[in-house]
Amino acid sequence: VDAWSVAFSPDSQYLATGSHVGKVNIFGVETGKKEYSLDTRGKFILSIAYSPDGKYLASGAIDGIINIFDIATGKLLHTLEGHAMPIRSLTFSPDSQLLVTASDDGYIKIYDVQHANLAGTLSGHGSWVLNVAFCPDDTHFVSSSSDKSVKVWEAGTRTCVHTFFDHQDQVWGVKYNGNGSKIVSVGDDQEIHIYDCPI
């Protein structure tokens, strides 16, 4: 299977995988068979995410292109070109209204999903932004970077409210737990850090 990124559908019935040739392949979880493919008309897909409401699927490519598909029809709804470098991570807000993207260009971008409008561009990391994740309560999201930091952002004001500098190397993964009371981060320093929320 040509798969470089993967995501479960919200109902856990399907797996979406991103390929190095710009295809999103959808597999049935129970059957293990490929159901259909979505063509991004792009390049190597580094990141992929379903919206929590199950309506959309977003993919981020090595050339900085983001595609948003309508799951019900399989049609490409929007192509977003706000980044100039690889999209390492993307995540939908819990209400499925916003898409947050992380790129090697050092920026985090926020898009209005329905209208495909750029709602914000956030700077603060000193190098590649490697991962982004939303808090389940929709109020904050978190980012990690090759600058060795983890940043917590307020979703409403789009401002950084806290930065952690506990890692000694680039931080590849960051996530909230199910109720948003903890943040976990992992990095090339082979350490796992767990933080309490709210900050």
C-alpha atoms as a PDB file:
ATOM      1  CA  VAL A   1       0.000   0.000   0.000  1.00  0.00           C
ATOM      2  CA  ASP A   2       1.365   3.395  -0.996  1.00  0.00           C
ATOM      3  CA  ALA A   3       0.558   5.253   2.225  1.00  0.00           C
ATOM      4  CA  TRP A   4       2.541   8.051   3.849  1.00  0.00           C
ATOM      5  CA  SER A   5      -0.214   9.548   6.021  1.00  0.00           C
ATOM      6  CA  VAL A   6      -3.397   8.065   7.452  1.00  0.00           C
ATOM      7  CA  ALA A   7      -6.605   9.104   9.228  1.00  0.00           C
ATOM      8  CA  PHE A   8      -9.741   7.344  10.495  1.00  0.00           C
ATOM      9  CA  SER A   9     -13.130   8.699   9.461  1.00  0.00           C
ATOM     10  CA  PRO A  10     -15.111   9.984  12.482  1.00  0.00           C
ATOM     11  CA  ASP A  11     -17.401   6.928  12.348  1.00  0.00           C
ATOM     12  CA  SER A  12     -14.358   4.601  12.175  1.00  0.00           C
ATOM     13  CA  GLN A  13     -15.759   2.923   9.055  1.00  0.00           C
ATOM     14  CA  TYR A  14     -13.043   4.148   6.696  1.00  0.00           C
ATOM     15  CA  LEU A  15      -9.332   4.870   6.531  1.00  0.00           C
ATOM     16  CA  ALA A  16      -7.969   7.620   4.326  1.00  0.00           C
ATOM     17  CA  THR A  17      -4.346   7.380   3.235  1.00  0.00           C
ATOM     18  CA  GLY A  18      -2.190   9.878   1.400  1.00  0.00           C
ATOM     19  CA  SER A  19       0.191   8.679  -1.299  1.00  0.00           C
ATOM     20  CA  HIS A  20       3.400   9.980  -2.841  1.00  0.00           C
ATOM     21  CA  VAL A  21       1.634  10.488  -6.192  1.00  0.00           C
ATOM     22  CA  GLY A  22      -1.049  12.848  -4.863  1.00  0.00           C
ATOM     23  CA  LYS A  23      -3.875  10.337  -4.435  1.00  0.00           C
ATOM     24  CA  VAL A  24      -6.056  10.001  -1.344  1.00  0.00           C
ATOM     25  CA  ASN A  25      -7.146   6.370  -1.087  1.00  0.00           C
ATOM     26  CA  ILE A  26     -10.194   5.415   0.976  1.00  0.00           C
ATOM     27  CA  PHE A  27     -10.295   1.914   2.487  1.00  0.00           C
ATOM     28  CA  GLY A  28     -13.101   0.093   4.287  1.00  0.00           C
ATOM     29  CA  VAL A  29     -11.934  -0.769   7.795  1.00  0.00           C
ATOM     30  CA  GLU A  30     -13.840  -4.056   7.979  1.00  0.00           C
ATOM     31  CA  THR A  31     -13.120  -5.229   4.432  1.00  0.00           C
ATOM     32  CA  GLY A  32      -9.593  -3.886   4.086  1.00  0.00           C
ATOM     33  CA  LYS A  33     -10.438  -3.089   0.471  1.00  0.00           C
ATOM     34  CA  LYS A  34      -9.938   0.195  -1.338  1.00  0.00           C
ATOM     35  CA  GLU A  35     -13.346   1.772  -1.879  1.00  0.00           C
ATOM     36  CA  TYR A  36     -12.315   4.732  -4.035  1.00  0.00           C
ATOM     37  CA  SER A  37      -9.617   7.354  -4.610  1.00  0.00           C
ATOM     38  CA  LEU A  38      -9.602  11.137  -4.564  1.00  0.00           C
ATOM     39  CA  ASP A  39      -7.229  12.884  -6.949  1.00  0.00           C
ATOM     40  CA  THR A  40      -5.598  16.010  -5.565  1.00  0.00           C
ATOM     41  CA  ARG A  41      -3.882  16.653  -8.911  1.00  0.00           C
ATOM     42  CA  GLY A  42      -0.917  17.420  -6.715  1.00  0.00           C
ATOM     43  CA  LYS A  43       2.187  15.902  -5.257  1.00  0.00           C
ATOM     44  CA  PHE A  44       3.351  13.800  -2.309  1.00  0.00           C
ATOM     45  CA  ILE A  45       0.706  13.967   0.469  1.00  0.00           C
ATOM     46  CA  LEU A  46       2.348  14.477   3.857  1.00  0.00           C
ATOM     47  CA  SER A  47      -0.745  15.093   5.992  1.00  0.00           C
ATOM     48  CA  ILE A  48      -4.417  14.170   5.988  1.00  0.00           C
ATOM     49  CA  ALA A  49      -7.425  14.804   8.253  1.00  0.00           C
ATOM     50  CA  TYR A  50     -11.182  14.259   8.408  1.00  0.00           C
ATOM     51  CA  SER A  51     -13.426  16.967   9.808  1.00  0.00           C
ATOM     52  CA  PRO A  52     -15.127  15.863  13.054  1.00  0.00           C
ATOM     53  CA  ASP A  53     -18.586  16.176  11.445  1.00  0.00           C
ATOM     54  CA  GLY A  54     -17.513  13.755   8.707  1.00  0.00           C
ATOM     55  CA  LYS A  55     -18.305  16.159   5.864  1.00  0.00           C
ATOM     56  CA  TYR A  56     -14.796  17.054   4.745  1.00  0.00           C
ATOM     57  CA  LEU A  57     -11.381  15.542   4.178  1.00  0.00           C
ATOM     58  CA  ALA A  58      -8.284  17.718   3.884  1.00  0.00           C
ATOM     59  CA  SER A  59      -4.867  16.807   2.523  1.00  0.00           C
ATOM     60  CA  GLY A  60      -1.572  18.680   2.678  1.00  0.00           C
ATOM     61  CA  ALA A  61       1.164  18.149   0.106  1.00  0.00           C
ATOM     62  CA  ILE A  62       4.906  18.551  -0.160  1.00  0.00           C
ATOM     63  CA  ASP A  63       4.473  21.538  -2.512  1.00  0.00           C
ATOM     64  CA  GLY A  64       2.430  23.488   0.059  1.00  0.00           C
ATOM     65  CA  ILE A  65      -0.950  22.836  -1.568  1.00  0.00           C
ATOM     66  CA  ILE A  66      -3.980  22.000   0.595  1.00  0.00           C
ATOM     67  CA  ASN A  67      -7.060  20.308  -0.856  1.00  0.00           C
ATOM     68  CA  ILE A  68     -10.467  19.989   0.810  1.00  0.00           C
ATOM     69  CA  PHE A  69     -12.897  17.338  -0.442  1.00  0.00           C
ATOM     70  CA  ASP A  70     -16.619  16.843   0.103  1.00  0.00           C
ATOM     71  CA  ILE A  71     -16.893  13.311   1.495  1.00  0.00           C
ATOM     72  CA  ALA A  72     -20.484  12.737   0.351  1.00  0.00           C
ATOM     73  CA  THR A  73     -19.772  13.508  -3.306  1.00  0.00           C
ATOM     74  CA  GLY A  74     -16.026  12.883  -3.514  1.00  0.00           C
ATOM     75  CA  LYS A  75     -15.642  16.253  -5.220  1.00  0.00           C
ATOM     76  CA  LEU A  76     -12.748  18.627  -4.678  1.00  0.00           C
ATOM     77  CA  LEU A  77     -14.253  21.692  -2.988  1.00  0.00           C
ATOM     78  CA  HIS A  78     -11.263  23.950  -2.424  1.00  0.00           C
ATOM     79  CA  THR A  79      -7.587  24.186  -3.261  1.00  0.00           C
ATOM     80  CA  LEU A  80      -5.667  26.438  -0.874  1.00  0.00           C
ATOM     81  CA  GLU A  81      -2.260  27.842  -1.776  1.00  0.00           C
ATOM     82  CA  GLY A  82      -1.288  29.866   1.286  1.00  0.00           C
ATOM     83  CA  HIS A  83       1.939  28.003   2.048  1.00  0.00           C
ATOM     84  CA  ALA A  84       5.055  27.854  -0.100  1.00  0.00           C
ATOM     85  CA  MET A  85       6.603  24.788   1.544  1.00  0.00           C
ATOM     86  CA  PRO A  86       5.522  21.281   2.696  1.00  0.00           C
ATOM     87  CA  ILE A  87       2.388  20.906   4.842  1.00  0.00           C
ATOM     88  CA  ARG A  88       3.534  18.776   7.778  1.00  0.00           C
ATOM     89  CA  SER A  89       0.221  18.703   9.630  1.00  0.00           C
ATOM     90  CA  LEU A  90      -3.365  19.915   9.464  1.00  0.00           C
ATOM     91  CA  THR A  91      -6.292  19.704  11.849  1.00  0.00           C
ATOM     92  CA  PHE A  92      -9.949  20.718  11.850  1.00  0.00           C
ATOM     93  CA  SER A  93     -11.515  22.554  14.757  1.00  0.00           C
ATOM     94  CA  PRO A  94     -13.967  20.426  16.777  1.00  0.00           C
ATOM     95  CA  ASP A  95     -16.900  22.308  15.188  1.00  0.00           C
ATOM     96  CA  SER A  96     -15.425  21.601  11.701  1.00  0.00           C
ATOM     97  CA  GLN A  97     -15.538  25.304  10.786  1.00  0.00           C
ATOM     98  CA  LEU A  98     -11.785  25.962  10.744  1.00  0.00           C
ATOM     99  CA  LEU A  99      -8.756  24.190   9.303  1.00  0.00           C
ATOM    100  CA  VAL A 100      -5.363  24.857  10.891  1.00  0.00           C
ATOM    101  CA  THR A 101      -2.237  24.016   8.884  1.00  0.00           C
ATOM    102  CA  ALA A 102       1.458  23.705   9.778  1.00  0.00           C
ATOM    103  CA  SER A 103       4.257  24.137   7.262  1.00  0.00           C
ATOM    104  CA  ASP A 104       8.003  24.125   6.777  1.00  0.00           C
ATOM    105  CA  ASP A 105       7.699  27.842   5.983  1.00  0.00           C
ATOM    106  CA  GLY A 106       7.438  28.422   9.754  1.00  0.00           C
ATOM    107  CA  TYR A 107       3.847  29.650   9.655  1.00  0.00           C
ATOM    108  CA  ILE A 108       0.528  28.363  10.943  1.00  0.00           C
ATOM    109  CA  LYS A 109      -2.470  29.279   8.819  1.00  0.00           C
ATOM    110  CA  ILE A 110      -6.153  29.214   9.725  1.00  0.00           C
ATOM    111  CA  TYR A 111      -8.793  28.771   7.029  1.00  0.00           C
ATOM    112  CA  ASP A 112     -12.558  29.162   7.032  1.00  0.00           C
ATOM    113  CA  VAL A 113     -13.497  25.745   5.654  1.00  0.00           C
ATOM    114  CA  GLN A 114     -16.861  26.611   4.094  1.00  0.00           C
ATOM    115  CA  HIS A 115     -15.683  29.704   2.238  1.00  0.00           C
ATOM    116  CA  ALA A 116     -12.015  28.718   1.764  1.00  0.00           C
ATOM    117  CA  ASN A 117     -10.950  32.090   3.154  1.00  0.00           C
ATOM    118  CA  LEU A 118      -7.648  32.624   4.927  1.00  0.00           C
ATOM    119  CA  ALA A 119      -8.739  33.684   8.416  1.00  0.00           C
ATOM    120  CA  GLY A 120      -5.303  34.137   9.943  1.00  0.00           C
ATOM    121  CA  THR A 121      -1.553  33.652   9.617  1.00  0.00           C
ATOM    122  CA  LEU A 122       0.380  33.013  12.818  1.00  0.00           C
ATOM    123  CA  SER A 123       4.108  33.381  13.302  1.00  0.00           C
ATOM    124  CA  GLY A 124       6.216  32.701  16.353  1.00  0.00           C
ATOM    125  CA  HIS A 125       8.075  29.500  15.644  1.00  0.00           C
ATOM    126  CA  GLY A 126      11.657  29.939  14.512  1.00  0.00           C
ATOM    127  CA  SER A 127      11.681  27.023  12.104  1.00  0.00           C
ATOM    128  CA  TRP A 128       9.481  24.322  10.543  1.00  0.00           C
ATOM    129  CA  VAL A 129       6.083  23.845  12.186  1.00  0.00           C
ATOM    130  CA  LEU A 130       5.750  20.066  12.401  1.00  0.00           C
ATOM    131  CA  ASN A 131       2.408  19.406  14.096  1.00  0.00           C
ATOM    132  CA  VAL A 132      -0.844  21.115  15.093  1.00  0.00           C
ATOM    133  CA  ALA A 133      -3.778  19.837  17.161  1.00  0.00           C
ATOM    134  CA  PHE A 134      -7.010  21.378  18.452  1.00  0.00           C
ATOM    135  CA  CYS A 135      -8.229  21.203  22.034  1.00  0.00           C
ATOM    136  CA  PRO A 136     -11.543  19.283  22.241  1.00  0.00           C
ATOM    137  CA  ASP A 137     -13.328  22.323  23.726  1.00  0.00           C
ATOM    138  CA  ASP A 138     -12.529  24.439  20.616  1.00  0.00           C
ATOM    139  CA  THR A 139     -10.853  27.221  22.641  1.00  0.00           C
ATOM    140  CA  HIS A 140      -7.176  26.498  21.989  1.00  0.00           C
ATOM    141  CA  PHE A 141      -4.845  24.652  19.689  1.00  0.00           C
ATOM    142  CA  VAL A 142      -1.238  23.575  20.091  1.00  0.00           C
ATOM    143  CA  SER A 143       1.740  23.487  17.727  1.00  0.00           C
ATOM    144  CA  SER A 144       5.197  21.933  17.756  1.00  0.00           C
ATOM    145  CA  SER A 145       8.291  22.812  15.785  1.00  0.00           C
ATOM    146  CA  SER A 146      11.829  21.961  14.818  1.00  0.00           C
ATOM    147  CA  ASP A 147      12.789  25.014  16.917  1.00  0.00           C
ATOM    148  CA  LYS A 148      12.325  22.622  19.912  1.00  0.00           C
ATOM    149  CA  SER A 149       9.261  24.447  21.245  1.00  0.00           C
ATOM    150  CA  VAL A 150       5.588  23.693  21.872  1.00  0.00           C
ATOM    151  CA  LYS A 151       3.183  26.630  21.661  1.00  0.00           C
ATOM    152  CA  VAL A 152      -0.388  26.968  22.924  1.00  0.00           C
ATOM    153  CA  TRP A 153      -2.610  29.336  20.940  1.00  0.00           C
ATOM    154  CA  GLU A 154      -5.965  30.873  21.826  1.00  0.00           C
ATOM    155  CA  ALA A 155      -8.309  30.095  18.942  1.00  0.00           C
ATOM    156  CA  GLY A 156     -10.500  33.174  19.345  1.00  0.00           C
ATOM    157  CA  THR A 157      -7.788  35.836  19.491  1.00  0.00           C
ATOM    158  CA  ARG A 158      -5.226  33.765  17.555  1.00  0.00           C
ATOM    159  CA  THR A 159      -2.502  34.707  19.992  1.00  0.00           C
ATOM    160  CA  CYS A 160       0.158  32.528  21.599  1.00  0.00           C
ATOM    161  CA  VAL A 161      -0.622  32.207  25.309  1.00  0.00           C
ATOM    162  CA  HIS A 162       2.239  29.933  26.354  1.00  0.00           C
ATOM    163  CA  THR A 163       5.458  28.404  25.012  1.00  0.00           C
ATOM    164  CA  PHE A 164       7.195  25.311  26.383  1.00  0.00           C
ATOM    165  CA  PHE A 165      10.935  24.899  25.828  1.00  0.00           C
ATOM    166  CA  ASP A 166      11.496  21.531  27.505  1.00  0.00           C
ATOM    167  CA  HIS A 167      12.641  19.534  24.478  1.00  0.00           C
ATOM    168  CA  GLN A 168      16.283  19.398  23.418  1.00  0.00           C
ATOM    169  CA  ASP A 169      15.556  18.637  19.761  1.00  0.00           C
ATOM    170  CA  GLN A 170      12.795  19.118  17.177  1.00  0.00           C
ATOM    171  CA  VAL A 171       9.274  18.252  18.366  1.00  0.00           C
ATOM    172  CA  TRP A 172       7.469  16.065  15.834  1.00  0.00           C
ATOM    173  CA  GLY A 173       4.220  15.284  17.614  1.00  0.00           C
ATOM    174  CA  VAL A 174       1.792  17.093  19.901  1.00  0.00           C
ATOM    175  CA  LYS A 175      -1.759  16.207  20.960  1.00  0.00           C
ATOM    176  CA  TYR A 176      -4.460  16.939  23.533  1.00  0.00           C
ATOM    177  CA  ASN A 177      -6.067  14.126  25.494  1.00  0.00           C
ATOM    178  CA  GLY A 178      -9.794  13.436  25.137  1.00  0.00           C
ATOM    179  CA  ASN A 179     -11.048  16.065  27.586  1.00  0.00           C
ATOM    180  CA  GLY A 180      -8.400  18.703  26.903  1.00  0.00           C
ATOM    181  CA  SER A 181      -6.848  18.514  30.372  1.00  0.00           C
ATOM    182  CA  LYS A 182      -3.410  17.391  29.133  1.00  0.00           C
ATOM    183  CA  ILE A 183      -1.013  18.067  26.264  1.00  0.00           C
ATOM    184  CA  VAL A 184       1.573  15.488  25.237  1.00  0.00           C
ATOM    185  CA  SER A 185       4.593  16.131  23.018  1.00  0.00           C
ATOM    186  CA  VAL A 186       7.293  13.896  21.537  1.00  0.00           C
ATOM    187  CA  GLY A 187      10.584  14.828  19.923  1.00  0.00           C
ATOM    188  CA  ASP A 188      13.863  13.705  18.428  1.00  0.00           C
ATOM    189  CA  ASP A 189      15.375  13.952  21.916  1.00  0.00           C
ATOM    190  CA  GLN A 190      13.505  10.686  22.609  1.00  0.00           C
ATOM    191  CA  GLU A 191      11.495  12.335  25.382  1.00  0.00           C
ATOM    192  CA  ILE A 192       7.756  12.496  26.017  1.00  0.00           C
ATOM    193  CA  HIS A 193       6.498  15.561  27.865  1.00  0.00           C
ATOM    194  CA  ILE A 194       3.034  15.862  29.427  1.00  0.00           C
ATOM    195  CA  TYR A 195       1.608  19.238  30.417  1.00  0.00           C
ATOM    196  CA  ASP A 196      -1.471  20.178  32.436  1.00  0.00           C
ATOM    197  CA  CYS A 197      -4.203  22.372  30.934  1.00  0.00           C
ATOM    198  CA  PRO A 198      -5.403  25.035  31.111  1.00  0.00           C
ATOM    199  CA  ILE A 199      -2.033  26.740  31.074  1.00  0.00           C
END
